[in-house]
């Protein structure tokens, strides 16, 4: 088990995601304003988007 797997816990997978530099900068800035890590901010944003998409379907 790698250190990342150990920190992430069971049921969590690591993925590589390519994003444009300007989007990364926006995510980083917004996460900072919200007092979150980029990872946490991305997870929360994705969950909200998926829930909203499901509700609209």
PDB file of N, CA and C in Angstrom:
ATOM      1  N   UNK A   1       0.853  -1.186   0.000  1.00  0.00           N
ATOM      2  CA  UNK A   1       0.000   0.000   0.000  1.00  0.00           C
ATOM      3  C   UNK A   1       0.889   1.236   0.000  1.00  0.00           C
ATOM      4  N   UNK A   2       0.586   2.166  -0.885  1.00  0.00           N
ATOM      5  CA  UNK A   2       1.368   3.397  -0.935  1.00  0.00           C
ATOM      6  C   UNK A   2       0.889   4.364   0.138  1.00  0.00           C
ATOM      7  N   UNK A   3       1.689   5.394   0.387  1.00  0.00           N
ATOM      8  CA  UNK A   3       1.305   6.400   1.382  1.00  0.00           C
ATOM      9  C   UNK A   3      -0.008   7.068   0.999  1.00  0.00           C
ATOM     10  N   UNK A   4      -0.192   7.347  -0.290  1.00  0.00           N
ATOM     11  CA  UNK A   4      -1.420   8.004  -0.737  1.00  0.00           C
ATOM     12  C   UNK A   4      -2.620   7.101  -0.492  1.00  0.00           C
ATOM     13  N   UNK A   5      -2.500   5.822  -0.808  1.00  0.00           N
ATOM     14  CA  UNK A   5      -3.595   4.898  -0.566  1.00  0.00           C
ATOM     15  C   UNK A   5      -3.912   4.821   0.918  1.00  0.00           C
ATOM     16  N   UNK A   6      -2.893   4.830   1.748  1.00  0.00           N
ATOM     17  CA  UNK A   6      -3.094   4.776   3.185  1.00  0.00           C
ATOM     18  C   UNK A   6      -3.829   5.996   3.700  1.00  0.00           C
ATOM     19  N   UNK A   7      -3.503   7.163   3.188  1.00  0.00           N
ATOM     20  CA  UNK A   7      -4.172   8.392   3.617  1.00  0.00           C
ATOM     21  C   UNK A   7      -5.587   8.472   3.072  1.00  0.00           C
ATOM     22  N   UNK A   8      -5.793   7.981   1.876  1.00  0.00           N
ATOM     23  CA  UNK A   8      -7.092   8.127   1.225  1.00  0.00           C
ATOM     24  C   UNK A   8      -8.148   7.232   1.861  1.00  0.00           C
ATOM     25  N   UNK A   9      -7.759   6.070   2.315  1.00  0.00           N
ATOM     26  CA  UNK A   9      -8.704   5.162   2.927  1.00  0.00           C
ATOM     27  C   UNK A   9      -9.320   4.205   1.927  1.00  0.00           C
ATOM     28  N   UNK A  10     -10.139   3.308   2.464  1.00  0.00           N
ATOM     29  CA  UNK A  10     -10.797   2.312   1.622  1.00  0.00           C
ATOM     30  C   UNK A  10     -11.839   2.966   0.731  1.00  0.00           C
ATOM     31  N   UNK A  11     -11.992   2.413  -0.448  1.00  0.00           N
ATOM     32  CA  UNK A  11     -13.017   2.884  -1.357  1.00  0.00           C
ATOM     33  C   UNK A  11     -12.668   4.162  -2.102  1.00  0.00           C
ATOM     34  N   UNK A  12     -11.440   4.619  -1.968  1.00  0.00           N
ATOM     35  CA  UNK A  12     -11.008   5.836  -2.649  1.00  0.00           C
ATOM     36  C   UNK A  12      -9.955   5.451  -3.673  1.00  0.00           C
ATOM     37  N   UNK A  13     -10.117   5.927  -4.893  1.00  0.00           N
ATOM     38  CA  UNK A  13      -9.147   5.660  -5.945  1.00  0.00           C
ATOM     39  C   UNK A  13      -8.502   6.959  -6.373  1.00  0.00           C
ATOM     40  N   UNK A  14      -7.300   6.846  -6.861  1.00  0.00           N
ATOM     41  CA  UNK A  14      -6.570   8.012  -7.341  1.00  0.00           C
ATOM     42  C   UNK A  14      -6.641   8.028  -8.860  1.00  0.00           C
ATOM     43  N   UNK A  15      -6.952   9.204  -9.429  1.00  0.00           N
ATOM     44  CA  UNK A  15      -6.978   9.348 -10.878  1.00  0.00           C
ATOM     45  C   UNK A  15      -6.111  10.537 -11.279  1.00  0.00           C
ATOM     46  N   UNK A  16      -5.626  10.482 -12.490  1.00  0.00           N
ATOM     47  CA  UNK A  16      -4.895  11.620 -13.053  1.00  0.00           C
ATOM     48  C   UNK A  16      -5.877  12.387 -13.929  1.00  0.00           C
ATOM     49  N   UNK A  17      -5.899  13.685 -13.775  1.00  0.00           N
ATOM     50  CA  UNK A  17      -6.827  14.515 -14.526  1.00  0.00           C
ATOM     51  C   UNK A  17      -6.059  15.657 -15.159  1.00  0.00           C
ATOM     52  N   UNK A  18      -6.178  15.801 -16.466  1.00  0.00           N
ATOM     53  CA  UNK A  18      -5.501  16.901 -17.158  1.00  0.00           C
ATOM     54  C   UNK A  18      -6.485  18.050 -17.327  1.00  0.00           C
ATOM     55  N   UNK A  19      -6.078  19.229 -16.886  1.00  0.00           N
ATOM     56  CA  UNK A  19      -6.914  20.424 -17.030  1.00  0.00           C
ATOM     57  C   UNK A  19      -6.047  21.564 -17.534  1.00  0.00           C
ATOM     58  N   UNK A  20      -6.647  22.513 -18.236  1.00  0.00           N
ATOM     59  CA  UNK A  20      -5.878  23.680 -18.673  1.00  0.00           C
ATOM     60  C   UNK A  20      -5.349  24.452 -17.459  1.00  0.00           C
ATOM     61  N   UNK A  21      -4.196  25.084 -17.635  1.00  0.00           N
ATOM     62  CA  UNK A  21      -3.558  25.818 -16.543  1.00  0.00           C
ATOM     63  C   UNK A  21      -4.486  26.870 -15.949  1.00  0.00           C
ATOM     64  N   UNK A  22      -5.229  27.584 -16.799  1.00  0.00           N
ATOM     65  CA  UNK A  22      -6.106  28.633 -16.273  1.00  0.00           C
ATOM     66  C   UNK A  22      -7.226  28.066 -15.404  1.00  0.00           C
ATOM     67  N   UNK A  23      -7.740  26.886 -15.748  1.00  0.00           N
ATOM     68  CA  UNK A  23      -8.765  26.247 -14.923  1.00  0.00           C
ATOM     69  C   UNK A  23      -8.174  25.813 -13.590  1.00  0.00           C
ATOM     70  N   UNK A  24      -6.977  25.253 -13.622  1.00  0.00           N
ATOM     71  CA  UNK A  24      -6.304  24.862 -12.384  1.00  0.00           C
ATOM     72  C   UNK A  24      -6.129  26.071 -11.473  1.00  0.00           C
ATOM     73  N   UNK A  25      -5.724  27.184 -12.056  1.00  0.00           N
ATOM     74  CA  UNK A  25      -5.530  28.404 -11.270  1.00  0.00           C
ATOM     75  C   UNK A  25      -6.842  28.874 -10.647  1.00  0.00           C
ATOM     76  N   UNK A  26      -7.927  28.785 -11.406  1.00  0.00           N
ATOM     77  CA  UNK A  26      -9.245  29.172 -10.881  1.00  0.00           C
ATOM     78  C   UNK A  26      -9.662  28.256  -9.734  1.00  0.00           C
ATOM     79  N   UNK A  27      -9.462  26.960  -9.919  1.00  0.00           N
ATOM     80  CA  UNK A  27      -9.815  25.986  -8.880  1.00  0.00           C
ATOM     81  C   UNK A  27      -9.002  26.249  -7.620  1.00  0.00           C
ATOM     82  N   UNK A  28      -7.708  26.469  -7.793  1.00  0.00           N
ATOM     83  CA  UNK A  28      -6.835  26.716  -6.646  1.00  0.00           C
ATOM     84  C   UNK A  28      -7.263  27.972  -5.891  1.00  0.00           C
ATOM     85  N   UNK A  29      -7.565  29.036  -6.627  1.00  0.00           N
ATOM     86  CA  UNK A  29      -7.978  30.290  -5.996  1.00  0.00           C
ATOM     87  C   UNK A  29      -9.304  30.126  -5.256  1.00  0.00           C
ATOM     88  N   UNK A  30     -10.267  29.492  -5.909  1.00  0.00           N
ATOM     89  CA  UNK A  30     -11.580  29.301  -5.290  1.00  0.00           C
ATOM     90  C   UNK A  30     -11.477  28.400  -4.063  1.00  0.00           C
ATOM     91  N   UNK A  31     -10.667  27.354  -4.153  1.00  0.00           N
ATOM     92  CA  UNK A  31     -10.469  26.465  -3.008  1.00  0.00           C
ATOM     93  C   UNK A  31      -9.869  27.238  -1.838  1.00  0.00           C
ATOM     94  N   UNK A  32      -8.912  28.105  -2.127  1.00  0.00           N
ATOM     95  CA  UNK A  32      -8.294  28.912  -1.079  1.00  0.00           C
ATOM     96  C   UNK A  32      -9.290  29.821  -0.390  1.00  0.00           C
ATOM     97  N   UNK A  33     -10.151  30.451  -1.172  1.00  0.00           N
ATOM     98  CA  UNK A  33     -11.183  31.332  -0.612  1.00  0.00           C
ATOM     99  C   UNK A  33     -12.120  30.540   0.297  1.00  0.00           C
ATOM    100  N   UNK A  34     -12.418  29.307  -0.103  1.00  0.00           N
ATOM    101  CA  UNK A  34     -13.332  28.460   0.663  1.00  0.00           C
ATOM    102  C   UNK A  34     -12.635  27.751   1.829  1.00  0.00           C
ATOM    103  N   UNK A  35     -11.314  27.888   1.909  1.00  0.00           N
ATOM    104  CA  UNK A  35     -10.567  27.230   2.982  1.00  0.00           C
ATOM    105  C   UNK A  35     -10.463  25.727   2.802  1.00  0.00           C
ATOM    106  N   UNK A  36     -10.414  25.295   1.553  1.00  0.00           N
ATOM    107  CA  UNK A  36     -10.348  23.866   1.227  1.00  0.00           C
ATOM    108  C   UNK A  36      -9.082  23.566   0.445  1.00  0.00           C
ATOM    109  N   UNK A  37      -8.709  22.299   0.456  1.00  0.00           N
ATOM    110  CA  UNK A  37      -7.663  21.857  -0.459  1.00  0.00           C
ATOM    111  C   UNK A  37      -8.275  21.799  -1.853  1.00  0.00           C
ATOM    112  N   UNK A  38      -7.421  21.792  -2.863  1.00  0.00           N
ATOM    113  CA  UNK A  38      -7.932  21.663  -4.230  1.00  0.00           C
ATOM    114  C   UNK A  38      -8.692  20.351  -4.383  1.00  0.00           C
ATOM    115  N   UNK A  39      -8.159  19.275  -3.817  1.00  0.00           N
ATOM    116  CA  UNK A  39      -8.801  17.973  -3.936  1.00  0.00           C
ATOM    117  C   UNK A  39     -10.206  18.000  -3.343  1.00  0.00           C
ATOM    118  N   UNK A  40     -10.328  18.520  -2.131  1.00  0.00           N
ATOM    119  CA  UNK A  40     -11.638  18.591  -1.486  1.00  0.00           C
ATOM    120  C   UNK A  40     -12.587  19.467  -2.288  1.00  0.00           C
ATOM    121  N   UNK A  41     -12.098  20.579  -2.774  1.00  0.00           N
ATOM    122  CA  UNK A  41     -12.944  21.488  -3.556  1.00  0.00           C
ATOM    123  C   UNK A  41     -13.432  20.813  -4.840  1.00  0.00           C
ATOM    124  N   UNK A  42     -12.553  20.112  -5.515  1.00  0.00           N
ATOM    125  CA  UNK A  42     -12.938  19.405  -6.744  1.00  0.00           C
ATOM    126  C   UNK A  42     -13.975  18.330  -6.430  1.00  0.00           C
ATOM    127  N   UNK A  43     -13.772  17.562  -5.359  1.00  0.00           N
ATOM    128  CA  UNK A  43     -14.730  16.512  -4.991  1.00  0.00           C
ATOM    129  C   UNK A  43     -16.107  17.088  -4.680  1.00  0.00           C
ATOM    130  N   UNK A  44     -16.152  18.152  -3.904  1.00  0.00           N
ATOM    131  CA  UNK A  44     -17.432  18.773  -3.557  1.00  0.00           C
ATOM    132  C   UNK A  44     -18.117  19.304  -4.811  1.00  0.00           C
ATOM    133  N   UNK A  45     -17.361  19.959  -5.674  1.00  0.00           N
ATOM    134  CA  UNK A  45     -17.917  20.516  -6.907  1.00  0.00           C
ATOM    135  C   UNK A  45     -18.454  19.411  -7.817  1.00  0.00           C
ATOM    136  N   UNK A  46     -17.713  18.322  -7.954  1.00  0.00           N
ATOM    137  CA  UNK A  46     -18.168  17.201  -8.785  1.00  0.00           C
ATOM    138  C   UNK A  46     -19.427  16.559  -8.218  1.00  0.00           C
ATOM    139  N   UNK A  47     -19.454  16.349  -6.899  1.00  0.00           N
ATOM    140  CA  UNK A  47     -20.649  15.750  -6.285  1.00  0.00           C
ATOM    141  C   UNK A  47     -21.884  16.619  -6.520  1.00  0.00           C
ATOM    142  N   UNK A  48     -21.736  17.920  -6.342  1.00  0.00           N
ATOM    143  CA  UNK A  48     -22.858  18.833  -6.565  1.00  0.00           C
ATOM    144  C   UNK A  48     -23.315  18.787  -8.022  1.00  0.00           C
ATOM    145  N   UNK A  49     -22.376  18.756  -8.948  1.00  0.00           N
ATOM    146  CA  UNK A  49     -22.717  18.712 -10.372  1.00  0.00           C
ATOM    147  C   UNK A  49     -23.457  17.425 -10.718  1.00  0.00           C
ATOM    148  N   UNK A  50     -23.002  16.307 -10.191  1.00  0.00           N
ATOM    149  CA  UNK A  50     -23.649  15.023 -10.470  1.00  0.00           C
ATOM    150  C   UNK A  50     -25.053  15.002  -9.876  1.00  0.00           C
ATOM    151  N   UNK A  51     -25.201  15.495  -8.656  1.00  0.00           N
ATOM    152  CA  UNK A  51     -26.530  15.536  -8.027  1.00  0.00           C
ATOM    153  C   UNK A  51     -27.481  16.436  -8.811  1.00  0.00           C
ATOM    154  N   UNK A  52     -26.995  17.587  -9.233  1.00  0.00           N
ATOM    155  CA  UNK A  52     -27.834  18.503 -10.009  1.00  0.00           C
ATOM    156  C   UNK A  52     -28.239  17.888 -11.340  1.00  0.00           C
ATOM    157  N   UNK A  53     -27.304  17.214 -11.981  1.00  0.00           N
ATOM    158  CA  UNK A  53     -27.585  16.559 -13.261  1.00  0.00           C
ATOM    159  C   UNK A  53     -28.626  15.463 -13.070  1.00  0.00           C
ATOM    160  N   UNK A  54     -28.502  14.682 -12.005  1.00  0.00           N
ATOM    161  CA  UNK A  54     -29.458  13.607 -11.723  1.00  0.00           C
ATOM    162  C   UNK A  54     -30.842  14.164 -11.425  1.00  0.00           C
ATOM    163  N   UNK A  55     -30.896  15.279 -10.706  1.00  0.00           N
ATOM    164  CA  UNK A  55     -32.176  15.891 -10.350  1.00  0.00           C
ATOM    165  C   UNK A  55     -32.894  16.434 -11.582  1.00  0.00           C
ATOM    166  N   UNK A  56     -32.129  16.887 -12.560  1.00  0.00           N
ATOM    167  CA  UNK A  56     -32.715  17.444 -13.779  1.00  0.00           C
ATOM    168  C   UNK A  56     -33.162  16.365 -14.755  1.00  0.00           C
ATOM    169  N   UNK A  57     -32.634  15.161 -14.607  1.00  0.00           N
ATOM    170  CA  UNK A  57     -32.944  14.079 -15.553  1.00  0.00           C
ATOM    171  C   UNK A  57     -34.321  13.502 -15.336  1.00  0.00           C
TER     172      UNK A  57
END
